[in-house]
Amino acid sequence: MRIVTLIVLVWLIVGAIAAGQRGYYSSNSATSCANAGTIALTVVAGPLNYFGVNPKIADCTVPQPTK
């Protein structure tokens, strides 16, 4: 079980590094649902980012509260 936990942790760290290298954490980028989704998807994709996977979320809609 510890090996699986270690592998998942390393996978997510590599994904976070890939998102940082792409500049997703910079304060210059506009904060939106799509940007947050792209960051999360890049982190989850992990090492696959270095094999050509370039996950992006182009558009997302957030449900509006009822009136």
PDB file of N, CA and C in Angstrom:
ATOM      1  N   MET A   1       0.824  -1.196   0.000  1.00  0.00           N
ATOM      2  CA  MET A   1       0.000   0.000   0.000  1.00  0.00           C
ATOM      3  C   MET A   1       0.865   1.256   0.000  1.00  0.00           C
ATOM      4  N   ARG A   2       1.990   1.209   0.674  1.00  0.00           N
ATOM      5  CA  ARG A   2       2.876   2.374   0.715  1.00  0.00           C
ATOM      6  C   ARG A   2       3.482   2.663  -0.651  1.00  0.00           C
ATOM      7  N   ILE A   3       3.734   1.615  -1.408  1.00  0.00           N
ATOM      8  CA  ILE A   3       4.307   1.801  -2.744  1.00  0.00           C
ATOM      9  C   ILE A   3       3.300   2.530  -3.631  1.00  0.00           C
ATOM     10  N   VAL A   4       2.036   2.143  -3.569  1.00  0.00           N
ATOM     11  CA  VAL A   4       0.995   2.788  -4.378  1.00  0.00           C
ATOM     12  C   VAL A   4       0.869   4.255  -3.992  1.00  0.00           C
ATOM     13  N   THR A   5       0.879   4.535  -2.706  1.00  0.00           N
ATOM     14  CA  THR A   5       0.798   5.916  -2.230  1.00  0.00           C
ATOM     15  C   THR A   5       1.980   6.729  -2.729  1.00  0.00           C
ATOM     16  N   LEU A   6       3.156   6.164  -2.676  1.00  0.00           N
ATOM     17  CA  LEU A   6       4.356   6.854  -3.151  1.00  0.00           C
ATOM     18  C   LEU A   6       4.285   7.121  -4.651  1.00  0.00           C
ATOM     19  N   ILE A   7       3.818   6.129  -5.410  1.00  0.00           N
ATOM     20  CA  ILE A   7       3.697   6.302  -6.858  1.00  0.00           C
ATOM     21  C   ILE A   7       2.694   7.404  -7.189  1.00  0.00           C
ATOM     22  N   VAL A   8       1.546   7.427  -6.508  1.00  0.00           N
ATOM     23  CA  VAL A   8       0.536   8.457  -6.753  1.00  0.00           C
ATOM     24  C   VAL A   8       1.078   9.834  -6.377  1.00  0.00           C
ATOM     25  N   LEU A   9       1.778   9.915  -5.279  1.00  0.00           N
ATOM     26  CA  LEU A   9       2.346  11.191  -4.839  1.00  0.00           C
ATOM     27  C   LEU A   9       3.369  11.710  -5.846  1.00  0.00           C
ATOM     28  N   VAL A  10       4.253  10.855  -6.307  1.00  0.00           N
ATOM     29  CA  VAL A  10       5.253  11.254  -7.299  1.00  0.00           C
ATOM     30  C   VAL A  10       4.558  11.645  -8.605  1.00  0.00           C
ATOM     31  N   TRP A  11       3.520  10.901  -9.007  1.00  0.00           N
ATOM     32  CA  TRP A  11       2.762  11.206 -10.221  1.00  0.00           C
ATOM     33  C   TRP A  11       2.195  12.629 -10.153  1.00  0.00           C
ATOM     34  N   LEU A  12       1.568  12.976  -9.026  1.00  0.00           N
ATOM     35  CA  LEU A  12       0.968  14.301  -8.871  1.00  0.00           C
ATOM     36  C   LEU A  12       2.023  15.401  -8.787  1.00  0.00           C
ATOM     37  N   ILE A  13       3.151  15.120  -8.178  1.00  0.00           N
ATOM     38  CA  ILE A  13       4.226  16.113  -8.098  1.00  0.00           C
ATOM     39  C   ILE A  13       4.770  16.407  -9.498  1.00  0.00           C
ATOM     40  N   VAL A  14       4.951  15.368 -10.288  1.00  0.00           N
ATOM     41  CA  VAL A  14       5.434  15.569 -11.664  1.00  0.00           C
ATOM     42  C   VAL A  14       4.410  16.392 -12.453  1.00  0.00           C
ATOM     43  N   GLY A  15       3.133  16.128 -12.263  1.00  0.00           N
ATOM     44  CA  GLY A  15       2.093  16.904 -12.935  1.00  0.00           C
ATOM     45  C   GLY A  15       2.104  18.364 -12.499  1.00  0.00           C
ATOM     46  N   ALA A  16       2.321  18.603 -11.207  1.00  0.00           N
ATOM     47  CA  ALA A  16       2.392  19.982 -10.710  1.00  0.00           C
ATOM     48  C   ALA A  16       3.601  20.709 -11.285  1.00  0.00           C
ATOM     49  N   ILE A  17       4.699  20.000 -11.437  1.00  0.00           N
ATOM     50  CA  ILE A  17       5.895  20.596 -12.051  1.00  0.00           C
ATOM     51  C   ILE A  17       5.620  20.941 -13.516  1.00  0.00           C
ATOM     52  N   ALA A  18       4.937  20.042 -14.222  1.00  0.00           N
ATOM     53  CA  ALA A  18       4.607  20.299 -15.631  1.00  0.00           C
ATOM     54  C   ALA A  18       3.706  21.528 -15.763  1.00  0.00           C
ATOM     55  N   ALA A  19       2.733  21.662 -14.874  1.00  0.00           N
ATOM     56  CA  ALA A  19       1.854  22.838 -14.915  1.00  0.00           C
ATOM     57  C   ALA A  19       2.653  24.110 -14.638  1.00  0.00           C
ATOM     58  N   GLY A  20       3.602  24.036 -13.737  1.00  0.00           N
ATOM     59  CA  GLY A  20       4.455  25.190 -13.451  1.00  0.00           C
ATOM     60  C   GLY A  20       5.326  25.558 -14.632  1.00  0.00           C
ATOM     61  N   GLN A  21       5.854  24.556 -15.330  1.00  0.00           N
ATOM     62  CA  GLN A  21       6.697  24.824 -16.494  1.00  0.00           C
ATOM     63  C   GLN A  21       5.902  25.447 -17.629  1.00  0.00           C
ATOM     64  N   ARG A  22       4.629  25.169 -17.683  1.00  0.00           N
ATOM     65  CA  ARG A  22       3.773  25.760 -18.718  1.00  0.00           C
ATOM     66  C   ARG A  22       3.270  27.139 -18.317  1.00  0.00           C
ATOM     67  N   GLY A  23       3.584  27.579 -17.127  1.00  0.00           N
ATOM     68  CA  GLY A  23       3.218  28.920 -16.682  1.00  0.00           C
ATOM     69  C   GLY A  23       1.785  29.050 -16.203  1.00  0.00           C
ATOM     70  N   TYR A  24       1.157  27.945 -15.829  1.00  0.00           N
ATOM     71  CA  TYR A  24      -0.233  27.996 -15.400  1.00  0.00           C
ATOM     72  C   TYR A  24      -0.413  28.644 -14.031  1.00  0.00           C
ATOM     73  N   TYR A  25       0.633  28.704 -13.237  1.00  0.00           N
ATOM     74  CA  TYR A  25       0.521  29.277 -11.895  1.00  0.00           C
ATOM     75  C   TYR A  25       0.802  30.773 -11.867  1.00  0.00           C
ATOM     76  N   SER A  26       1.203  31.349 -12.981  1.00  0.00           N
ATOM     77  CA  SER A  26       1.572  32.765 -12.975  1.00  0.00           C
ATOM     78  C   SER A  26       0.346  33.630 -12.707  1.00  0.00           C
ATOM     79  N   SER A  27       0.568  34.733 -12.048  1.00  0.00           N
ATOM     80  CA  SER A  27      -0.535  35.633 -11.721  1.00  0.00           C
ATOM     81  C   SER A  27      -0.990  36.424 -12.938  1.00  0.00           C
ATOM     82  N   ASN A  28      -0.257  36.346 -14.037  1.00  0.00           N
ATOM     83  CA  ASN A  28      -0.621  37.069 -15.252  1.00  0.00           C
ATOM     84  C   ASN A  28      -1.791  36.429 -15.987  1.00  0.00           C
ATOM     85  N   SER A  29      -2.001  35.126 -15.764  1.00  0.00           N
ATOM     86  CA  SER A  29      -3.100  34.469 -16.463  1.00  0.00           C
ATOM     87  C   SER A  29      -4.422  34.789 -15.770  1.00  0.00           C
ATOM     88  N   ALA A  30      -5.457  34.935 -16.562  1.00  0.00           N
ATOM     89  CA  ALA A  30      -6.773  35.271 -16.028  1.00  0.00           C
ATOM     90  C   ALA A  30      -7.322  34.090 -15.238  1.00  0.00           C
ATOM     91  N   THR A  31      -7.900  34.382 -14.094  1.00  0.00           N
ATOM     92  CA  THR A  31      -8.474  33.342 -13.261  1.00  0.00           C
ATOM     93  C   THR A  31      -9.883  33.042 -13.747  1.00  0.00           C
ATOM     94  N   SER A  32     -10.111  31.806 -14.108  1.00  0.00           N
ATOM     95  CA  SER A  32     -11.437  31.394 -14.541  1.00  0.00           C
ATOM     96  C   SER A  32     -11.610  29.917 -14.262  1.00  0.00           C
ATOM     97  N   CYS A  33     -12.810  29.468 -14.483  1.00  0.00           N
ATOM     98  CA  CYS A  33     -13.119  28.054 -14.297  1.00  0.00           C
ATOM     99  C   CYS A  33     -12.291  27.194 -15.262  1.00  0.00           C
ATOM    100  N   ALA A  34     -12.144  27.663 -16.497  1.00  0.00           N
ATOM    101  CA  ALA A  34     -11.386  26.909 -17.495  1.00  0.00           C
ATOM    102  C   ALA A  34      -9.916  26.808 -17.103  1.00  0.00           C
ATOM    103  N   ASN A  35      -9.339  27.885 -16.584  1.00  0.00           N
ATOM    104  CA  ASN A  35      -7.931  27.849 -16.172  1.00  0.00           C
ATOM    105  C   ASN A  35      -7.735  26.903 -14.987  1.00  0.00           C
ATOM    106  N   ALA A  36      -8.636  26.947 -14.031  1.00  0.00           N
ATOM    107  CA  ALA A  36      -8.531  26.050 -12.880  1.00  0.00           C
ATOM    108  C   ALA A  36      -8.672  24.599 -13.326  1.00  0.00           C
ATOM    109  N   GLY A  37      -9.572  24.345 -14.253  1.00  0.00           N
ATOM    110  CA  GLY A  37      -9.742  22.991 -14.774  1.00  0.00           C
ATOM    111  C   GLY A  37      -8.529  22.504 -15.539  1.00  0.00           C
ATOM    112  N   THR A  38      -7.923  23.397 -16.315  1.00  0.00           N
ATOM    113  CA  THR A  38      -6.722  23.041 -17.064  1.00  0.00           C
ATOM    114  C   THR A  38      -5.580  22.703 -16.119  1.00  0.00           C
ATOM    115  N   ILE A  39      -5.421  23.484 -15.062  1.00  0.00           N
ATOM    116  CA  ILE A  39      -4.371  23.201 -14.080  1.00  0.00           C
ATOM    117  C   ILE A  39      -4.612  21.846 -13.429  1.00  0.00           C
ATOM    118  N   ALA A  40      -5.837  21.604 -12.991  1.00  0.00           N
ATOM    119  CA  ALA A  40      -6.152  20.333 -12.333  1.00  0.00           C
ATOM    120  C   ALA A  40      -5.936  19.155 -13.275  1.00  0.00           C
ATOM    121  N   LEU A  41      -6.348  19.290 -14.515  1.00  0.00           N
ATOM    122  CA  LEU A  41      -6.189  18.214 -15.488  1.00  0.00           C
ATOM    123  C   LEU A  41      -4.718  17.961 -15.805  1.00  0.00           C
ATOM    124  N   THR A  42      -3.928  19.017 -15.873  1.00  0.00           N
ATOM    125  CA  THR A  42      -2.494  18.869 -16.122  1.00  0.00           C
ATOM    126  C   THR A  42      -1.817  18.149 -14.959  1.00  0.00           C
ATOM    127  N   VAL A  43      -2.190  18.495 -13.739  1.00  0.00           N
ATOM    128  CA  VAL A  43      -1.602  17.837 -12.569  1.00  0.00           C
ATOM    129  C   VAL A  43      -1.990  16.360 -12.548  1.00  0.00           C
ATOM    130  N   VAL A  44      -3.240  16.049 -12.843  1.00  0.00           N
ATOM    131  CA  VAL A  44      -3.689  14.656 -12.829  1.00  0.00           C
ATOM    132  C   VAL A  44      -3.039  13.861 -13.961  1.00  0.00           C
ATOM    133  N   ALA A  45      -2.785  14.491 -15.097  1.00  0.00           N
ATOM    134  CA  ALA A  45      -2.144  13.790 -16.211  1.00  0.00           C
ATOM    135  C   ALA A  45      -0.703  13.407 -15.881  1.00  0.00           C
ATOM    136  N   GLY A  46      -0.102  14.122 -14.933  1.00  0.00           N
ATOM    137  CA  GLY A  46       1.223  13.771 -14.427  1.00  0.00           C
ATOM    138  C   GLY A  46       2.283  13.638 -15.498  1.00  0.00           C
ATOM    139  N   PRO A  47       3.048  12.537 -15.470  1.00  0.00           N
ATOM    140  CA  PRO A  47       4.150  12.339 -16.418  1.00  0.00           C
ATOM    141  C   PRO A  47       3.711  12.243 -17.875  1.00  0.00           C
ATOM    142  N   LEU A  48       2.435  12.004 -18.123  1.00  0.00           N
ATOM    143  CA  LEU A  48       1.969  11.942 -19.510  1.00  0.00           C
ATOM    144  C   LEU A  48       2.175  13.267 -20.223  1.00  0.00           C
ATOM    145  N   ASN A  49       2.286  14.361 -19.456  1.00  0.00           N
ATOM    146  CA  ASN A  49       2.541  15.673 -20.042  1.00  0.00           C
ATOM    147  C   ASN A  49       3.841  15.681 -20.844  1.00  0.00           C
ATOM    148  N   TYR A  50       4.804  14.887 -20.427  1.00  0.00           N
ATOM    149  CA  TYR A  50       6.105  14.865 -21.101  1.00  0.00           C
ATOM    150  C   TYR A  50       6.120  13.925 -22.308  1.00  0.00           C
ATOM    151  N   PHE A  51       4.997  13.250 -22.548  1.00  0.00           N
ATOM    152  CA  PHE A  51       4.874  12.396 -23.727  1.00  0.00           C
ATOM    153  C   PHE A  51       3.907  12.986 -24.747  1.00  0.00           C
ATOM    154  N   GLY A  52       3.657  14.291 -24.642  1.00  0.00           N
ATOM    155  CA  GLY A  52       2.852  14.973 -25.643  1.00  0.00           C
ATOM    156  C   GLY A  52       1.412  15.248 -25.256  1.00  0.00           C
ATOM    157  N   VAL A  53       0.978  14.791 -24.092  1.00  0.00           N
ATOM    158  CA  VAL A  53      -0.386  15.078 -23.665  1.00  0.00           C
ATOM    159  C   VAL A  53      -0.448  16.540 -23.245  1.00  0.00           C
ATOM    160  N   ASN A  54      -1.383  17.274 -23.805  1.00  0.00           N
ATOM    161  CA  ASN A  54      -1.527  18.694 -23.480  1.00  0.00           C
ATOM    162  C   ASN A  54      -2.990  18.966 -23.145  1.00  0.00           C
ATOM    163  N   PRO A  55      -3.406  18.581 -21.930  1.00  0.00           N
ATOM    164  CA  PRO A  55      -4.820  18.743 -21.590  1.00  0.00           C
ATOM    165  C   PRO A  55      -5.193  20.211 -21.399  1.00  0.00           C
ATOM    166  N   LYS A  56      -6.306  20.589 -21.984  1.00  0.00           N
ATOM    167  CA  LYS A  56      -6.820  21.954 -21.827  1.00  0.00           C
ATOM    168  C   LYS A  56      -8.328  21.899 -21.766  1.00  0.00           C
ATOM    169  N   ILE A  57      -8.887  22.770 -20.973  1.00  0.00           N
ATOM    170  CA  ILE A  57     -10.330  22.928 -20.920  1.00  0.00           C
ATOM    171  C   ILE A  57     -10.622  24.281 -21.547  1.00  0.00           C
ATOM    172  N   ALA A  58     -11.324  24.265 -22.661  1.00  0.00           N
ATOM    173  CA  ALA A  58     -11.564  25.495 -23.415  1.00  0.00           C
ATOM    174  C   ALA A  58     -12.669  26.340 -22.798  1.00  0.00           C
ATOM    175  N   ASP A  59     -13.688  25.691 -22.288  1.00  0.00           N
ATOM    176  CA  ASP A  59     -14.819  26.455 -21.781  1.00  0.00           C
ATOM    177  C   ASP A  59     -15.496  25.638 -20.683  1.00  0.00           C
ATOM    178  N   CYS A  60     -15.968  26.299 -19.697  1.00  0.00           N
ATOM    179  CA  CYS A  60     -16.772  25.636 -18.679  1.00  0.00           C
ATOM    180  C   CYS A  60     -17.811  26.614 -18.177  1.00  0.00           C
ATOM    181  N   THR A  61     -18.934  26.057 -17.817  1.00  0.00           N
ATOM    182  CA  THR A  61     -19.997  26.904 -17.309  1.00  0.00           C
ATOM    183  C   THR A  61     -20.292  26.504 -15.874  1.00  0.00           C
ATOM    184  N   VAL A  62     -20.470  27.477 -15.053  1.00  0.00           N
ATOM    185  CA  VAL A  62     -20.783  27.258 -13.649  1.00  0.00           C
ATOM    186  C   VAL A  62     -22.273  27.516 -13.478  1.00  0.00           C
ATOM    187  N   PRO A  63     -22.976  26.610 -12.823  1.00  0.00           N
ATOM    188  CA  PRO A  63     -24.403  26.832 -12.633  1.00  0.00           C
ATOM    189  C   PRO A  63     -24.662  28.102 -11.831  1.00  0.00           C
ATOM    190  N   GLN A  64     -25.669  28.839 -12.236  1.00  0.00           N
ATOM    191  CA  GLN A  64     -26.041  30.070 -11.548  1.00  0.00           C
ATOM    192  C   GLN A  64     -27.057  29.749 -10.455  1.00  0.00           C
ATOM    193  N   PRO A  65     -26.987  30.478  -9.345  1.00  0.00           N
ATOM    194  CA  PRO A  65     -27.962  30.227  -8.281  1.00  0.00           C
ATOM    195  C   PRO A  65     -29.366  30.638  -8.719  1.00  0.00           C
ATOM    196  N   THR A  66     -30.347  29.965  -8.172  1.00  0.00           N
ATOM    197  CA  THR A  66     -31.727  30.318  -8.492  1.00  0.00           C
ATOM    198  C   THR A  66     -32.113  31.592  -7.783  1.00  0.00           C
ATOM    199  N   LYS A  67     -33.090  32.291  -8.353  1.00  0.00           N
ATOM    200  CA  LYS A  67     -33.503  33.566  -7.777  1.00  0.00           C
ATOM    201  C   LYS A  67     -34.803  33.434  -7.046  1.00  0.00           C
TER     202      LYS A  67
END
